[in-house]
Amino acid sequence: MGRIRASVMAACLLLPAGLAAAAPEGADPAPGLGITSGGAAYLLQLLLGLAVVIAAILVLGFVLRRTGGIGGRLSGEFRVLGSVSLGARERMVLVQVGEQQLVLGVAPGQVRTLHVLARPLEPRGTAAPAGEESFTARLRAAMGTKGGTS
């Protein structure tokens, strides 16, 4: 449907230029319009140039969206470490800014700092400090299992 519509519009745009080109050889073109026998070719060239510019804009927008846009110089300093859903549209987010970690409340239309951590949290997957057991090991010990799955 979209191609048919585009074809009909292109034909309607080219029709006046085609009629001017089909005028008798000795006839003068319409005064003030500047359409001569090469008018159809000029109009086609103009439309193709416009199509190329529009296609370039669309491709550039797609590429920028896929690559995350133009990154600022501080984009490596900000990282989202984790988030928890608190409701349908509310979240609590842990963000690291340089060496500092912030707990933010995010809701539609607003972001609030809930807490600034004095001591940064360790990322998951790192070993616990010496002398401390992991939560999983303590839970297994409390349940009396030896590491097997239930």
C-alpha atoms as a PDB file:
ATOM      1  CA  MET A   1       0.000   0.000   0.000  1.00  0.00           C
ATOM      2  CA  GLY A   2       2.819   2.393   0.857  1.00  0.00           C
ATOM      3  CA  ARG A   3       4.632   1.701  -2.422  1.00  0.00           C
ATOM      4  CA  ILE A   4       1.504   2.331  -4.445  1.00  0.00           C
ATOM      5  CA  ARG A   5       0.934   5.616  -2.649  1.00  0.00           C
ATOM      6  CA  ALA A   6       4.559   6.660  -3.241  1.00  0.00           C
ATOM      7  CA  SER A   7       4.316   5.721  -6.932  1.00  0.00           C
ATOM      8  CA  VAL A   8       1.107   7.724  -7.401  1.00  0.00           C
ATOM      9  CA  MET A   9       2.633  10.751  -5.665  1.00  0.00           C
ATOM     10  CA  ALA A  10       5.771  10.552  -7.814  1.00  0.00           C
ATOM     11  CA  ALA A  11       3.637  10.312 -10.962  1.00  0.00           C
ATOM     12  CA  CYS A  12       1.599  13.347  -9.906  1.00  0.00           C
ATOM     13  CA  LEU A  13       4.777  15.321  -9.281  1.00  0.00           C
ATOM     14  CA  LEU A  14       6.328  14.330 -12.595  1.00  0.00           C
ATOM     15  CA  LEU A  15       3.167  14.814 -14.683  1.00  0.00           C
ATOM     16  CA  PRO A  16       3.436  18.628 -15.076  1.00  0.00           C
ATOM     17  CA  ALA A  17       7.088  18.355 -16.056  1.00  0.00           C
ATOM     18  CA  GLY A  18       6.279  15.587 -18.527  1.00  0.00           C
ATOM     19  CA  LEU A  19       3.488  17.665 -20.089  1.00  0.00           C
ATOM     20  CA  ALA A  20       5.836  20.624 -20.467  1.00  0.00           C
ATOM     21  CA  ALA A  21       8.428  18.380 -22.110  1.00  0.00           C
ATOM     22  CA  ALA A  22       5.785  17.043 -24.521  1.00  0.00           C
ATOM     23  CA  ALA A  23       4.863  20.536 -25.702  1.00  0.00           C
ATOM     24  CA  PRO A  24       5.386  21.255 -29.411  1.00  0.00           C
ATOM     25  CA  GLU A  25       8.932  22.115 -30.434  1.00  0.00           C
ATOM     26  CA  GLY A  26       8.291  25.739 -31.254  1.00  0.00           C
ATOM     27  CA  ALA A  27       6.154  26.482 -28.194  1.00  0.00           C
ATOM     28  CA  ASP A  28       7.602  28.598 -25.456  1.00  0.00           C
ATOM     29  CA  PRO A  29       7.565  27.165 -21.955  1.00  0.00           C
ATOM     30  CA  ALA A  30       5.214  28.642 -19.422  1.00  0.00           C
ATOM     31  CA  PRO A  31       6.417  32.138 -18.539  1.00  0.00           C
ATOM     32  CA  GLY A  32       8.169  32.388 -15.184  1.00  0.00           C
ATOM     33  CA  LEU A  33       8.241  28.640 -14.476  1.00  0.00           C
ATOM     34  CA  GLY A  34      11.584  27.922 -16.130  1.00  0.00           C
ATOM     35  CA  ILE A  35      10.437  24.483 -17.302  1.00  0.00           C
ATOM     36  CA  THR A  36      12.025  23.424 -20.564  1.00  0.00           C
ATOM     37  CA  SER A  37      12.426  20.084 -22.270  1.00  0.00           C
ATOM     38  CA  GLY A  38      14.998  19.109 -19.598  1.00  0.00           C
ATOM     39  CA  GLY A  39      12.566  19.961 -16.784  1.00  0.00           C
ATOM     40  CA  ALA A  40      11.512  16.360 -16.193  1.00  0.00           C
ATOM     41  CA  ALA A  41      15.142  15.283 -15.853  1.00  0.00           C
ATOM     42  CA  TYR A  42      15.825  18.167 -13.466  1.00  0.00           C
ATOM     43  CA  LEU A  43      12.779  17.311 -11.345  1.00  0.00           C
ATOM     44  CA  LEU A  44      13.755  13.641 -11.245  1.00  0.00           C
ATOM     45  CA  GLN A  45      17.296  14.595 -10.200  1.00  0.00           C
ATOM     46  CA  LEU A  46      15.888  16.859  -7.481  1.00  0.00           C
ATOM     47  CA  LEU A  47      13.611  14.126  -6.127  1.00  0.00           C
ATOM     48  CA  LEU A  48      16.383  11.531  -6.160  1.00  0.00           C
ATOM     49  CA  GLY A  49      18.684  13.915  -4.299  1.00  0.00           C
ATOM     50  CA  LEU A  50      15.982  14.513  -1.696  1.00  0.00           C
ATOM     51  CA  ALA A  51      15.468  10.754  -1.310  1.00  0.00           C
ATOM     52  CA  VAL A  52      19.220  10.258  -0.779  1.00  0.00           C
ATOM     53  CA  VAL A  53      19.315  12.949   1.925  1.00  0.00           C
ATOM     54  CA  ILE A  54      16.293  11.483   3.734  1.00  0.00           C
ATOM     55  CA  ALA A  55      17.784   7.979   3.541  1.00  0.00           C
ATOM     56  CA  ALA A  56      21.082   9.280   4.959  1.00  0.00           C
ATOM     57  CA  ILE A  57      19.255  10.910   7.877  1.00  0.00           C
ATOM     58  CA  LEU A  58      17.360   7.690   8.640  1.00  0.00           C
ATOM     59  CA  VAL A  59      20.505   5.530   8.432  1.00  0.00           C
ATOM     60  CA  LEU A  60      22.462   7.920  10.667  1.00  0.00           C
ATOM     61  CA  GLY A  61      19.629   7.925  13.229  1.00  0.00           C
ATOM     62  CA  PHE A  62      19.536   4.117  13.216  1.00  0.00           C
ATOM     63  CA  VAL A  63      23.316   3.865  13.665  1.00  0.00           C
ATOM     64  CA  LEU A  64      23.334   6.392  16.522  1.00  0.00           C
ATOM     65  CA  ARG A  65      20.495   4.572  18.262  1.00  0.00           C
ATOM     66  CA  ARG A  66      22.301   1.207  17.964  1.00  0.00           C
ATOM     67  CA  THR A  67      25.653   2.535  19.189  1.00  0.00           C
ATOM     68  CA  GLY A  68      24.242   4.496  22.114  1.00  0.00           C
ATOM     69  CA  GLY A  69      24.644   7.924  20.591  1.00  0.00           C
ATOM     70  CA  ILE A  70      27.563  10.225  20.977  1.00  0.00           C
ATOM     71  CA  GLY A  71      29.193   9.370  24.307  1.00  0.00           C
ATOM     72  CA  GLY A  72      30.409  12.072  26.609  1.00  0.00           C
ATOM     73  CA  ARG A  73      33.800  11.971  28.210  1.00  0.00           C
ATOM     74  CA  LEU A  74      32.303  11.020  31.598  1.00  0.00           C
ATOM     75  CA  SER A  75      30.204   8.105  30.333  1.00  0.00           C
ATOM     76  CA  GLY A  76      32.761   5.589  31.689  1.00  0.00           C
ATOM     77  CA  GLU A  77      32.550   7.100  35.169  1.00  0.00           C
ATOM     78  CA  PHE A  78      28.831   6.372  35.618  1.00  0.00           C
ATOM     79  CA  ARG A  79      27.684   2.771  35.999  1.00  0.00           C
ATOM     80  CA  VAL A  80      24.416   1.212  37.097  1.00  0.00           C
ATOM     81  CA  LEU A  81      25.384  -1.630  39.437  1.00  0.00           C
ATOM     82  CA  GLY A  82      21.906  -2.957  40.117  1.00  0.00           C
ATOM     83  CA  SER A  83      18.243  -2.146  40.463  1.00  0.00           C
ATOM     84  CA  VAL A  84      15.182  -3.415  42.294  1.00  0.00           C
ATOM     85  CA  SER A  85      11.576  -2.922  41.256  1.00  0.00           C
ATOM     86  CA  LEU A  86       9.520  -1.365  44.043  1.00  0.00           C
ATOM     87  CA  GLY A  87       6.220  -1.121  42.223  1.00  0.00           C
ATOM     88  CA  ALA A  88       4.688  -0.882  38.806  1.00  0.00           C
ATOM     89  CA  ARG A  89       6.734   2.172  37.822  1.00  0.00           C
ATOM     90  CA  GLU A  90       9.127   2.762  40.714  1.00  0.00           C
ATOM     91  CA  ARG A  91      12.670   1.417  41.022  1.00  0.00           C
ATOM     92  CA  MET A  92      15.571   1.658  43.430  1.00  0.00           C
ATOM     93  CA  VAL A  93      18.906   1.855  41.603  1.00  0.00           C
ATOM     94  CA  LEU A  94      22.495   1.515  42.842  1.00  0.00           C
ATOM     95  CA  VAL A  95      24.775   3.789  40.785  1.00  0.00           C
ATOM     96  CA  GLN A  96      28.540   4.156  40.958  1.00  0.00           C
ATOM     97  CA  VAL A  97      29.958   7.596  40.161  1.00  0.00           C
ATOM     98  CA  GLY A  98      33.745   7.426  40.245  1.00  0.00           C
ATOM     99  CA  GLU A  99      34.557   5.933  43.660  1.00  0.00           C
ATOM    100  CA  GLN A 100      31.221   6.857  45.267  1.00  0.00           C
ATOM    101  CA  GLN A 101      28.043   4.767  45.246  1.00  0.00           C
ATOM    102  CA  LEU A 102      24.551   6.249  45.391  1.00  0.00           C
ATOM    103  CA  VAL A 103      21.162   4.665  46.031  1.00  0.00           C
ATOM    104  CA  LEU A 104      18.578   6.431  43.872  1.00  0.00           C
ATOM    105  CA  GLY A 105      14.802   6.258  43.811  1.00  0.00           C
ATOM    106  CA  VAL A 106      13.482   6.440  40.260  1.00  0.00           C
ATOM    107  CA  ALA A 107       9.826   7.134  39.510  1.00  0.00           C
ATOM    108  CA  PRO A 108       8.106   8.609  36.464  1.00  0.00           C
ATOM    109  CA  GLY A 109       9.236  12.203  36.202  1.00  0.00           C
ATOM    110  CA  GLN A 110      11.626  12.222  39.143  1.00  0.00           C
ATOM    111  CA  VAL A 111      14.906  10.818  40.459  1.00  0.00           C
ATOM    112  CA  ARG A 112      15.845  11.247  44.127  1.00  0.00           C
ATOM    113  CA  THR A 113      18.979  10.406  46.060  1.00  0.00           C
ATOM    114  CA  LEU A 114      17.940   8.053  48.853  1.00  0.00           C
ATOM    115  CA  HIS A 115      21.368   7.390  50.333  1.00  0.00           C
ATOM    116  CA  VAL A 116      25.062   7.981  49.680  1.00  0.00           C
ATOM    117  CA  LEU A 117      27.033   4.918  50.774  1.00  0.00           C
ATOM    118  CA  ALA A 118      29.976   5.683  53.059  1.00  0.00           C
ATOM    119  CA  ARG A 119      31.644   2.389  52.115  1.00  0.00           C
ATOM    120  CA  PRO A 120      31.086   1.064  48.565  1.00  0.00           C
ATOM    121  CA  LEU A 121      29.425  -2.329  48.243  1.00  0.00           C
ATOM    122  CA  GLU A 122      31.462  -5.170  46.775  1.00  0.00           C
ATOM    123  CA  PRO A 123      30.220  -6.338  43.376  1.00  0.00           C
ATOM    124  CA  ARG A 124      28.738  -9.831  43.193  1.00  0.00           C
ATOM    125  CA  GLY A 125      31.103 -12.642  42.357  1.00  0.00           C
ATOM    126  CA  THR A 126      34.006 -11.334  44.418  1.00  0.00           C
ATOM    127  CA  ALA A 127      35.412 -13.421  47.242  1.00  0.00           C
ATOM    128  CA  ALA A 128      34.337 -12.630  50.781  1.00  0.00           C
ATOM    129  CA  PRO A 129      37.005 -11.207  53.092  1.00  0.00           C
ATOM    130  CA  ALA A 130      39.036 -13.761  55.049  1.00  0.00           C
ATOM    131  CA  GLY A 131      37.160 -15.186  58.018  1.00  0.00           C
ATOM    132  CA  GLU A 132      33.695 -14.483  56.612  1.00  0.00           C
ATOM    133  CA  GLU A 133      31.495 -17.236  55.229  1.00  0.00           C
ATOM    134  CA  SER A 134      29.196 -16.706  52.300  1.00  0.00           C
ATOM    135  CA  PHE A 135      25.463 -16.575  52.877  1.00  0.00           C
ATOM    136  CA  THR A 136      25.003 -19.783  50.884  1.00  0.00           C
ATOM    137  CA  ALA A 137      27.442 -21.680  53.088  1.00  0.00           C
ATOM    138  CA  ARG A 138      25.775 -20.431  56.258  1.00  0.00           C
ATOM    139  CA  LEU A 139      22.312 -21.316  54.911  1.00  0.00           C
ATOM    140  CA  ARG A 140      23.421 -24.853  54.017  1.00  0.00           C
ATOM    141  CA  ALA A 141      24.942 -25.263  57.466  1.00  0.00           C
ATOM    142  CA  ALA A 142      21.730 -24.077  59.108  1.00  0.00           C
ATOM    143  CA  MET A 143      19.631 -26.445  56.990  1.00  0.00           C
ATOM    144  CA  GLY A 144      21.980 -29.351  57.635  1.00  0.00           C
ATOM    145  CA  THR A 145      22.787 -30.104  53.966  1.00  0.00           C
ATOM    146  CA  LYS A 146      26.245 -30.769  52.631  1.00  0.00           C
ATOM    147  CA  GLY A 147      26.119 -28.787  49.388  1.00  0.00           C
ATOM    148  CA  GLY A 148      23.800 -31.084  47.427  1.00  0.00           C
ATOM    149  CA  THR A 149      20.758 -29.829  45.589  1.00  0.00           C
ATOM    150  CA  SER A 150      17.308 -30.652  46.854  1.00  0.00           C
END
